[in-house]
Amino acid sequence: MAKLRMLITATAEQVKEPFLWRLGKDYNVVVNVKRANFTEDGGYAYVELEGSVEEIQRATAWLQTTGMIIEPEDRSLFPEQKPG
């Protein structure tokens, strides 16, 4: 499993669509919403996607096609760390 944290910024029109729900439904990723704020004027969600590298890449590619602003916290996917 890999994880990717990102900030997603959406316009007033984009927040009308259930894009976070769609991420979890259409792609084999777990969407963990760390923080979010949406109003009728737009908003943001700070999320962590968890899944295979391929599925996270597919989900991120779809997000980019929506026109939302996607800002990864880290440019590379990182594997889940196991306590040792």
PDB file of N, CA and C in Angstrom:
ATOM      1  N   MET A   1       0.831  -1.187   0.000  1.00  0.00           N
ATOM      2  CA  MET A   1       0.000   0.000   0.000  1.00  0.00           C
ATOM      3  C   MET A   1       0.873   1.247   0.000  1.00  0.00           C
ATOM      4  N   ALA A   2       0.370   2.253  -0.655  1.00  0.00           N
ATOM      5  CA  ALA A   2       1.053   3.542  -0.698  1.00  0.00           C
ATOM      6  C   ALA A   2       0.069   4.605  -0.231  1.00  0.00           C
ATOM      7  N   LYS A   3       0.604   5.753   0.141  1.00  0.00           N
ATOM      8  CA  LYS A   3      -0.227   6.879   0.570  1.00  0.00           C
ATOM      9  C   LYS A   3       0.263   8.138  -0.118  1.00  0.00           C
ATOM     10  N   LEU A   4      -0.679   9.043  -0.380  1.00  0.00           N
ATOM     11  CA  LEU A   4      -0.331  10.345  -0.943  1.00  0.00           C
ATOM     12  C   LEU A   4      -1.245  11.386  -0.311  1.00  0.00           C
ATOM     13  N   ARG A   5      -0.645  12.394   0.310  1.00  0.00           N
ATOM     14  CA  ARG A   5      -1.418  13.497   0.891  1.00  0.00           C
ATOM     15  C   ARG A   5      -1.436  14.648  -0.101  1.00  0.00           C
ATOM     16  N   MET A   6      -2.606  15.287  -0.205  1.00  0.00           N
ATOM     17  CA  MET A   6      -2.732  16.398  -1.150  1.00  0.00           C
ATOM     18  C   MET A   6      -3.797  17.376  -0.699  1.00  0.00           C
ATOM     19  N   LEU A   7      -3.672  18.583  -1.220  1.00  0.00           N
ATOM     20  CA  LEU A   7      -4.680  19.620  -1.030  1.00  0.00           C
ATOM     21  C   LEU A   7      -5.433  19.755  -2.346  1.00  0.00           C
ATOM     22  N   ILE A   8      -6.748  19.672  -2.281  1.00  0.00           N
ATOM     23  CA  ILE A   8      -7.606  19.816  -3.454  1.00  0.00           C
ATOM     24  C   ILE A   8      -8.417  21.097  -3.268  1.00  0.00           C
ATOM     25  N   THR A   9      -8.307  22.016  -4.217  1.00  0.00           N
ATOM     26  CA  THR A   9      -9.056  23.269  -4.159  1.00  0.00           C
ATOM     27  C   THR A   9     -10.078  23.274  -5.289  1.00  0.00           C
ATOM     28  N   ALA A  10     -11.327  23.580  -4.938  1.00  0.00           N
ATOM     29  CA  ALA A  10     -12.419  23.514  -5.910  1.00  0.00           C
ATOM     30  C   ALA A  10     -13.161  24.848  -5.978  1.00  0.00           C
ATOM     31  N   THR A  11     -13.685  25.141  -7.159  1.00  0.00           N
ATOM     32  CA  THR A  11     -14.479  26.353  -7.375  1.00  0.00           C
ATOM     33  C   THR A  11     -15.919  26.123  -6.910  1.00  0.00           C
ATOM     34  N   ALA A  12     -16.718  27.168  -6.984  1.00  0.00           N
ATOM     35  CA  ALA A  12     -18.128  27.073  -6.600  1.00  0.00           C
ATOM     36  C   ALA A  12     -18.859  26.009  -7.419  1.00  0.00           C
ATOM     37  N   GLU A  13     -18.590  25.934  -8.699  1.00  0.00           N
ATOM     38  CA  GLU A  13     -19.234  24.921  -9.550  1.00  0.00           C
ATOM     39  C   GLU A  13     -18.745  23.518  -9.209  1.00  0.00           C
ATOM     40  N   GLN A  14     -17.467  23.378  -8.951  1.00  0.00           N
ATOM     41  CA  GLN A  14     -16.888  22.061  -8.686  1.00  0.00           C
ATOM     42  C   GLN A  14     -17.349  21.465  -7.359  1.00  0.00           C
ATOM     43  N   VAL A  15     -17.611  22.302  -6.354  1.00  0.00           N
ATOM     44  CA  VAL A  15     -18.032  21.755  -5.058  1.00  0.00           C
ATOM     45  C   VAL A  15     -19.446  21.185  -5.105  1.00  0.00           C
ATOM     46  N   LYS A  16     -20.174  21.443  -6.173  1.00  0.00           N
ATOM     47  CA  LYS A  16     -21.515  20.873  -6.327  1.00  0.00           C
ATOM     48  C   LYS A  16     -21.459  19.390  -6.682  1.00  0.00           C
ATOM     49  N   GLU A  17     -20.311  18.934  -7.146  1.00  0.00           N
ATOM     50  CA  GLU A  17     -20.136  17.535  -7.540  1.00  0.00           C
ATOM     51  C   GLU A  17     -19.528  16.738  -6.384  1.00  0.00           C
ATOM     52  N   PRO A  18     -19.941  15.478  -6.214  1.00  0.00           N
ATOM     53  CA  PRO A  18     -19.423  14.653  -5.112  1.00  0.00           C
ATOM     54  C   PRO A  18     -18.070  14.007  -5.462  1.00  0.00           C
ATOM     55  N   PHE A  19     -17.065  14.838  -5.682  1.00  0.00           N
ATOM     56  CA  PHE A  19     -15.789  14.319  -6.179  1.00  0.00           C
ATOM     57  C   PHE A  19     -15.059  13.445  -5.163  1.00  0.00           C
ATOM     58  N   LEU A  20     -15.179  13.724  -3.879  1.00  0.00           N
ATOM     59  CA  LEU A  20     -14.512  12.873  -2.882  1.00  0.00           C
ATOM     60  C   LEU A  20     -15.167  11.494  -2.841  1.00  0.00           C
ATOM     61  N   TRP A  21     -16.476  11.459  -2.923  1.00  0.00           N
ATOM     62  CA  TRP A  21     -17.193  10.189  -2.970  1.00  0.00           C
ATOM     63  C   TRP A  21     -16.784   9.403  -4.218  1.00  0.00           C
ATOM     64  N   ARG A  22     -16.698  10.099  -5.336  1.00  0.00           N
ATOM     65  CA  ARG A  22     -16.345   9.435  -6.596  1.00  0.00           C
ATOM     66  C   ARG A  22     -14.937   8.832  -6.548  1.00  0.00           C
ATOM     67  N   LEU A  23     -14.010   9.514  -5.883  1.00  0.00           N
ATOM     68  CA  LEU A  23     -12.656   8.962  -5.745  1.00  0.00           C
ATOM     69  C   LEU A  23     -12.699   7.581  -5.104  1.00  0.00           C
ATOM     70  N   GLY A  24     -13.448   7.469  -4.011  1.00  0.00           N
ATOM     71  CA  GLY A  24     -13.535   6.191  -3.309  1.00  0.00           C
ATOM     72  C   GLY A  24     -14.341   5.146  -4.055  1.00  0.00           C
ATOM     73  N   LYS A  25     -15.328   5.583  -4.840  1.00  0.00           N
ATOM     74  CA  LYS A  25     -16.187   4.647  -5.565  1.00  0.00           C
ATOM     75  C   LYS A  25     -15.547   4.151  -6.856  1.00  0.00           C
ATOM     76  N   ASP A  26     -14.988   5.061  -7.639  1.00  0.00           N
ATOM     77  CA  ASP A  26     -14.502   4.714  -8.975  1.00  0.00           C
ATOM     78  C   ASP A  26     -13.061   4.210  -9.001  1.00  0.00           C
ATOM     79  N   TYR A  27     -12.334   4.439  -7.926  1.00  0.00           N
ATOM     80  CA  TYR A  27     -10.924   4.029  -7.874  1.00  0.00           C
ATOM     81  C   TYR A  27     -10.728   3.226  -6.601  1.00  0.00           C
ATOM     82  N   ASN A  28      -9.838   2.278  -6.654  1.00  0.00           N
ATOM     83  CA  ASN A  28      -9.607   1.402  -5.510  1.00  0.00           C
ATOM     84  C   ASN A  28      -8.653   2.085  -4.531  1.00  0.00           C
ATOM     85  N   VAL A  29      -9.123   3.198  -3.961  1.00  0.00           N
ATOM     86  CA  VAL A  29      -8.339   3.942  -2.976  1.00  0.00           C
ATOM     87  C   VAL A  29      -9.225   4.268  -1.777  1.00  0.00           C
ATOM     88  N   VAL A  30      -8.591   4.382  -0.633  1.00  0.00           N
ATOM     89  CA  VAL A  30      -9.263   4.862   0.570  1.00  0.00           C
ATOM     90  C   VAL A  30      -9.008   6.359   0.635  1.00  0.00           C
ATOM     91  N   VAL A  31     -10.067   7.133   0.796  1.00  0.00           N
ATOM     92  CA  VAL A  31      -9.954   8.591   0.882  1.00  0.00           C
ATOM     93  C   VAL A  31     -10.125   8.983   2.347  1.00  0.00           C
ATOM     94  N   ASN A  32      -9.054   9.474   2.937  1.00  0.00           N
ATOM     95  CA  ASN A  32      -9.083   9.912   4.325  1.00  0.00           C
ATOM     96  C   ASN A  32      -9.056  11.439   4.329  1.00  0.00           C
ATOM     97  N   VAL A  33     -10.187  12.044   4.683  1.00  0.00           N
ATOM     98  CA  VAL A  33     -10.282  13.505   4.709  1.00  0.00           C
ATOM     99  C   VAL A  33      -9.704  13.991   6.035  1.00  0.00           C
ATOM    100  N   LYS A  34      -8.590  14.678   5.953  1.00  0.00           N
ATOM    101  CA  LYS A  34      -7.922  15.199   7.146  1.00  0.00           C
ATOM    102  C   LYS A  34      -8.540  16.523   7.590  1.00  0.00           C
ATOM    103  N   ARG A  35      -8.913  17.331   6.613  1.00  0.00           N
ATOM    104  CA  ARG A  35      -9.453  18.663   6.894  1.00  0.00           C
ATOM    105  C   ARG A  35     -10.175  19.118   5.628  1.00  0.00           C
ATOM    106  N   ALA A  36     -11.296  19.807   5.792  1.00  0.00           N
ATOM    107  CA  ALA A  36     -12.020  20.307   4.618  1.00  0.00           C
ATOM    108  C   ALA A  36     -12.880  21.500   5.011  1.00  0.00           C
ATOM    109  N   ASN A  37     -13.119  22.354   4.034  1.00  0.00           N
ATOM    110  CA  ASN A  37     -13.993  23.507   4.223  1.00  0.00           C
ATOM    111  C   ASN A  37     -14.603  23.845   2.864  1.00  0.00           C
ATOM    112  N   PHE A  38     -15.919  23.645   2.756  1.00  0.00           N
ATOM    113  CA  PHE A  38     -16.623  23.935   1.517  1.00  0.00           C
ATOM    114  C   PHE A  38     -17.771  24.891   1.795  1.00  0.00           C
ATOM    115  N   THR A  39     -17.922  25.874   0.930  1.00  0.00           N
ATOM    116  CA  THR A  39     -19.056  26.793   0.979  1.00  0.00           C
ATOM    117  C   THR A  39     -19.617  26.877  -0.433  1.00  0.00           C
ATOM    118  N   GLU A  40     -20.641  27.672  -0.616  1.00  0.00           N
ATOM    119  CA  GLU A  40     -21.197  27.835  -1.964  1.00  0.00           C
ATOM    120  C   GLU A  40     -20.229  28.549  -2.898  1.00  0.00           C
ATOM    121  N   ASP A  41     -19.204  29.183  -2.344  1.00  0.00           N
ATOM    122  CA  ASP A  41     -18.205  29.898  -3.152  1.00  0.00           C
ATOM    123  C   ASP A  41     -17.013  29.036  -3.555  1.00  0.00           C
ATOM    124  N   GLY A  42     -16.934  27.813  -3.045  1.00  0.00           N
ATOM    125  CA  GLY A  42     -15.798  26.942  -3.325  1.00  0.00           C
ATOM    126  C   GLY A  42     -15.243  26.394  -2.032  1.00  0.00           C
ATOM    127  N   GLY A  43     -14.049  25.829  -2.109  1.00  0.00           N
ATOM    128  CA  GLY A  43     -13.464  25.304  -0.887  1.00  0.00           C
ATOM    129  C   GLY A  43     -12.271  24.423  -1.152  1.00  0.00           C
ATOM    130  N   TYR A  44     -11.878  23.719  -0.089  1.00  0.00           N
ATOM    131  CA  TYR A  44     -10.699  22.866  -0.182  1.00  0.00           C
ATOM    132  C   TYR A  44     -10.899  21.611   0.654  1.00  0.00           C
ATOM    133  N   ALA A  45     -10.121  20.601   0.328  1.00  0.00           N
ATOM    134  CA  ALA A  45     -10.050  19.382   1.130  1.00  0.00           C
ATOM    135  C   ALA A  45      -8.591  18.950   1.184  1.00  0.00           C
ATOM    136  N   TYR A  46      -8.115  18.700   2.381  1.00  0.00           N
ATOM    137  CA  TYR A  46      -6.782  18.138   2.573  1.00  0.00           C
ATOM    138  C   TYR A  46      -7.012  16.661   2.828  1.00  0.00           C
ATOM    139  N   VAL A  47      -6.590  15.816   1.887  1.00  0.00           N
ATOM    140  CA  VAL A  47      -6.898  14.391   1.953  1.00  0.00           C
ATOM    141  C   VAL A  47      -5.638  13.545   1.850  1.00  0.00           C
ATOM    142  N   GLU A  48      -5.798  12.299   2.268  1.00  0.00           N
ATOM    143  CA  GLU A  48      -4.753  11.299   2.088  1.00  0.00           C
ATOM    144  C   GLU A  48      -5.385  10.148   1.312  1.00  0.00           C
ATOM    145  N   LEU A  49      -4.795   9.812   0.178  1.00  0.00           N
ATOM    146  CA  LEU A  49      -5.257   8.667  -0.605  1.00  0.00           C
ATOM    147  C   LEU A  49      -4.382   7.480  -0.258  1.00  0.00           C
ATOM    148  N   GLU A  50      -5.008   6.330  -0.039  1.00  0.00           N
ATOM    149  CA  GLU A  50      -4.263   5.118   0.282  1.00  0.00           C
ATOM    150  C   GLU A  50      -4.704   4.003  -0.654  1.00  0.00           C
ATOM    151  N   GLY A  51      -3.740   3.317  -1.239  1.00  0.00           N
ATOM    152  CA  GLY A  51      -4.024   2.223  -2.152  1.00  0.00           C
ATOM    153  C   GLY A  51      -2.758   1.848  -2.889  1.00  0.00           C
ATOM    154  N   SER A  52      -2.918   1.123  -3.983  1.00  0.00           N
ATOM    155  CA  SER A  52      -1.743   0.780  -4.784  1.00  0.00           C
ATOM    156  C   SER A  52      -1.250   2.043  -5.494  1.00  0.00           C
ATOM    157  N   VAL A  53       0.009   2.047  -5.844  1.00  0.00           N
ATOM    158  CA  VAL A  53       0.581   3.192  -6.556  1.00  0.00           C
ATOM    159  C   VAL A  53      -0.208   3.452  -7.833  1.00  0.00           C
ATOM    160  N   GLU A  54      -0.557   2.389  -8.552  1.00  0.00           N
ATOM    161  CA  GLU A  54      -1.274   2.535  -9.817  1.00  0.00           C
ATOM    162  C   GLU A  54      -2.645   3.183  -9.618  1.00  0.00           C
ATOM    163  N   GLU A  55      -3.382   2.743  -8.593  1.00  0.00           N
ATOM    164  CA  GLU A  55      -4.716   3.305  -8.358  1.00  0.00           C
ATOM    165  C   GLU A  55      -4.640   4.752  -7.889  1.00  0.00           C
ATOM    166  N   ILE A  56      -3.662   5.072  -7.062  1.00  0.00           N
ATOM    167  CA  ILE A  56      -3.494   6.463  -6.633  1.00  0.00           C
ATOM    168  C   ILE A  56      -3.162   7.337  -7.839  1.00  0.00           C
ATOM    169  N   GLN A  57      -2.332   6.841  -8.735  1.00  0.00           N
ATOM    170  CA  GLN A  57      -1.997   7.601  -9.942  1.00  0.00           C
ATOM    171  C   GLN A  57      -3.229   7.790 -10.824  1.00  0.00           C
ATOM    172  N   ARG A  58      -4.052   6.750 -10.963  1.00  0.00           N
ATOM    173  CA  ARG A  58      -5.285   6.859 -11.756  1.00  0.00           C
ATOM    174  C   ARG A  58      -6.242   7.877 -11.142  1.00  0.00           C
ATOM    175  N   ALA A  59      -6.407   7.815  -9.818  1.00  0.00           N
ATOM    176  CA  ALA A  59      -7.304   8.743  -9.129  1.00  0.00           C
ATOM    177  C   ALA A  59      -6.809  10.182  -9.263  1.00  0.00           C
ATOM    178  N   THR A  60      -5.517  10.377  -9.119  1.00  0.00           N
ATOM    179  CA  THR A  60      -4.930  11.712  -9.241  1.00  0.00           C
ATOM    180  C   THR A  60      -5.072  12.232 -10.670  1.00  0.00           C
ATOM    181  N   ALA A  61      -4.879  11.364 -11.645  1.00  0.00           N
ATOM    182  CA  ALA A  61      -5.033  11.763 -13.047  1.00  0.00           C
ATOM    183  C   ALA A  61      -6.469  12.211 -13.311  1.00  0.00           C
ATOM    184  N   TRP A  62      -7.450  11.484 -12.763  1.00  0.00           N
ATOM    185  CA  TRP A  62      -8.841  11.895 -12.942  1.00  0.00           C
ATOM    186  C   TRP A  62      -9.086  13.259 -12.303  1.00  0.00           C
ATOM    187  N   LEU A  63      -8.586  13.457 -11.080  1.00  0.00           N
ATOM    188  CA  LEU A  63      -8.767  14.750 -10.411  1.00  0.00           C
ATOM    189  C   LEU A  63      -8.238  15.890 -11.274  1.00  0.00           C
ATOM    190  N   GLN A  64      -7.112  15.668 -11.921  1.00  0.00           N
ATOM    191  CA  GLN A  64      -6.515  16.711 -12.756  1.00  0.00           C
ATOM    192  C   GLN A  64      -7.398  17.043 -13.952  1.00  0.00           C
ATOM    193  N   THR A  65      -8.176  16.088 -14.447  1.00  0.00           N
ATOM    194  CA  THR A  65      -9.064  16.351 -15.585  1.00  0.00           C
ATOM    195  C   THR A  65     -10.268  17.197 -15.192  1.00  0.00           C
ATOM    196  N   THR A  66     -10.565  17.304 -13.903  1.00  0.00           N
ATOM    197  CA  THR A  66     -11.734  18.058 -13.442  1.00  0.00           C
ATOM    198  C   THR A  66     -11.493  19.560 -13.430  1.00  0.00           C
ATOM    199  N   GLY A  67     -10.232  19.966 -13.492  1.00  0.00           N
ATOM    200  CA  GLY A  67      -9.905  21.386 -13.428  1.00  0.00           C
ATOM    201  C   GLY A  67      -9.664  21.895 -12.023  1.00  0.00           C
ATOM    202  N   MET A  68      -9.828  21.019 -11.031  1.00  0.00           N
ATOM    203  CA  MET A  68      -9.530  21.425  -9.660  1.00  0.00           C
ATOM    204  C   MET A  68      -8.026  21.597  -9.498  1.00  0.00           C
ATOM    205  N   ILE A  69      -7.637  22.378  -8.522  1.00  0.00           N
ATOM    206  CA  ILE A  69      -6.211  22.570  -8.246  1.00  0.00           C
ATOM    207  C   ILE A  69      -5.774  21.462  -7.295  1.00  0.00           C
ATOM    208  N   ILE A  70      -4.792  20.686  -7.731  1.00  0.00           N
ATOM    209  CA  ILE A  70      -4.284  19.563  -6.955  1.00  0.00           C
ATOM    210  C   ILE A  70      -2.857  19.890  -6.537  1.00  0.00           C
ATOM    211  N   GLU A  71      -2.606  19.899  -5.240  1.00  0.00           N
ATOM    212  CA  GLU A  71      -1.274  20.208  -4.727  1.00  0.00           C
ATOM    213  C   GLU A  71      -0.808  19.073  -3.821  1.00  0.00           C
ATOM    214  N   PRO A  72      -0.025  18.129  -4.366  1.00  0.00           N
ATOM    215  CA  PRO A  72       0.492  17.051  -3.522  1.00  0.00           C
ATOM    216  C   PRO A  72       1.414  17.619  -2.441  1.00  0.00           C
ATOM    217  N   GLU A  73       1.307  17.055  -1.240  1.00  0.00           N
ATOM    218  CA  GLU A  73       2.197  17.468  -0.160  1.00  0.00           C
ATOM    219  C   GLU A  73       3.621  17.034  -0.475  1.00  0.00           C
ATOM    220  N   ASP A  74       3.734  15.884  -1.107  1.00  0.00           N
ATOM    221  CA  ASP A  74       5.033  15.337  -1.479  1.00  0.00           C
ATOM    222  C   ASP A  74       4.881  14.856  -2.914  1.00  0.00           C
ATOM    223  N   ARG A  75       5.843  15.107  -3.739  1.00  0.00           N
ATOM    224  CA  ARG A  75       5.738  14.747  -5.163  1.00  0.00           C
ATOM    225  C   ARG A  75       5.851  13.248  -5.418  1.00  0.00           C
ATOM    226  N   SER A  76       6.252  12.486  -4.424  1.00  0.00           N
ATOM    227  CA  SER A  76       6.395  11.046  -4.641  1.00  0.00           C
ATOM    228  C   SER A  76       5.470  10.285  -3.699  1.00  0.00           C
ATOM    229  N   LEU A  77       4.992   9.158  -4.159  1.00  0.00           N
ATOM    230  CA  LEU A  77       4.188   8.281  -3.321  1.00  0.00           C
ATOM    231  C   LEU A  77       5.116   7.611  -2.327  1.00  0.00           C
ATOM    232  N   PHE A  78       4.640   7.384  -1.143  1.00  0.00           N
ATOM    233  CA  PHE A  78       5.490   6.731  -0.164  1.00  0.00           C
ATOM    234  C   PHE A  78       4.787   5.496   0.366  1.00  0.00           C
ATOM    235  N   PRO A  79       5.540   4.403   0.554  1.00  0.00           N
ATOM    236  CA  PRO A  79       4.931   3.185   1.081  1.00  0.00           C
ATOM    237  C   PRO A  79       4.559   3.374   2.545  1.00  0.00           C
ATOM    238  N   GLU A  80       3.566   2.627   2.957  1.00  0.00           N
ATOM    239  CA  GLU A  80       3.152   2.687   4.352  1.00  0.00           C
ATOM    240  C   GLU A  80       4.291   2.197   5.236  1.00  0.00           C
ATOM    241  N   GLN A  81       4.588   2.952   6.263  1.00  0.00           N
ATOM    242  CA  GLN A  81       5.662   2.596   7.185  1.00  0.00           C
ATOM    243  C   GLN A  81       5.113   1.658   8.250  1.00  0.00           C
ATOM    244  N   LYS A  82       5.826   0.577   8.494  1.00  0.00           N
ATOM    245  CA  LYS A  82       5.439  -0.356   9.542  1.00  0.00           C
ATOM    246  C   LYS A  82       6.334  -0.110  10.750  1.00  0.00           C
ATOM    247  N   PRO A  83       5.738  -0.031  11.952  1.00  0.00           N
ATOM    248  CA  PRO A  83       6.569   0.181  13.142  1.00  0.00           C
ATOM    249  C   PRO A  83       7.573  -0.949  13.292  1.00  0.00           C
ATOM    250  N   GLY A  84       8.751  -0.624  13.706  1.00  0.00           N
ATOM    251  CA  GLY A  84       9.760  -1.678  13.781  1.00  0.00           C
ATOM    252  C   GLY A  84      10.616  -1.504  14.910  1.00  0.00           C
TER     253      GLY A  84
END
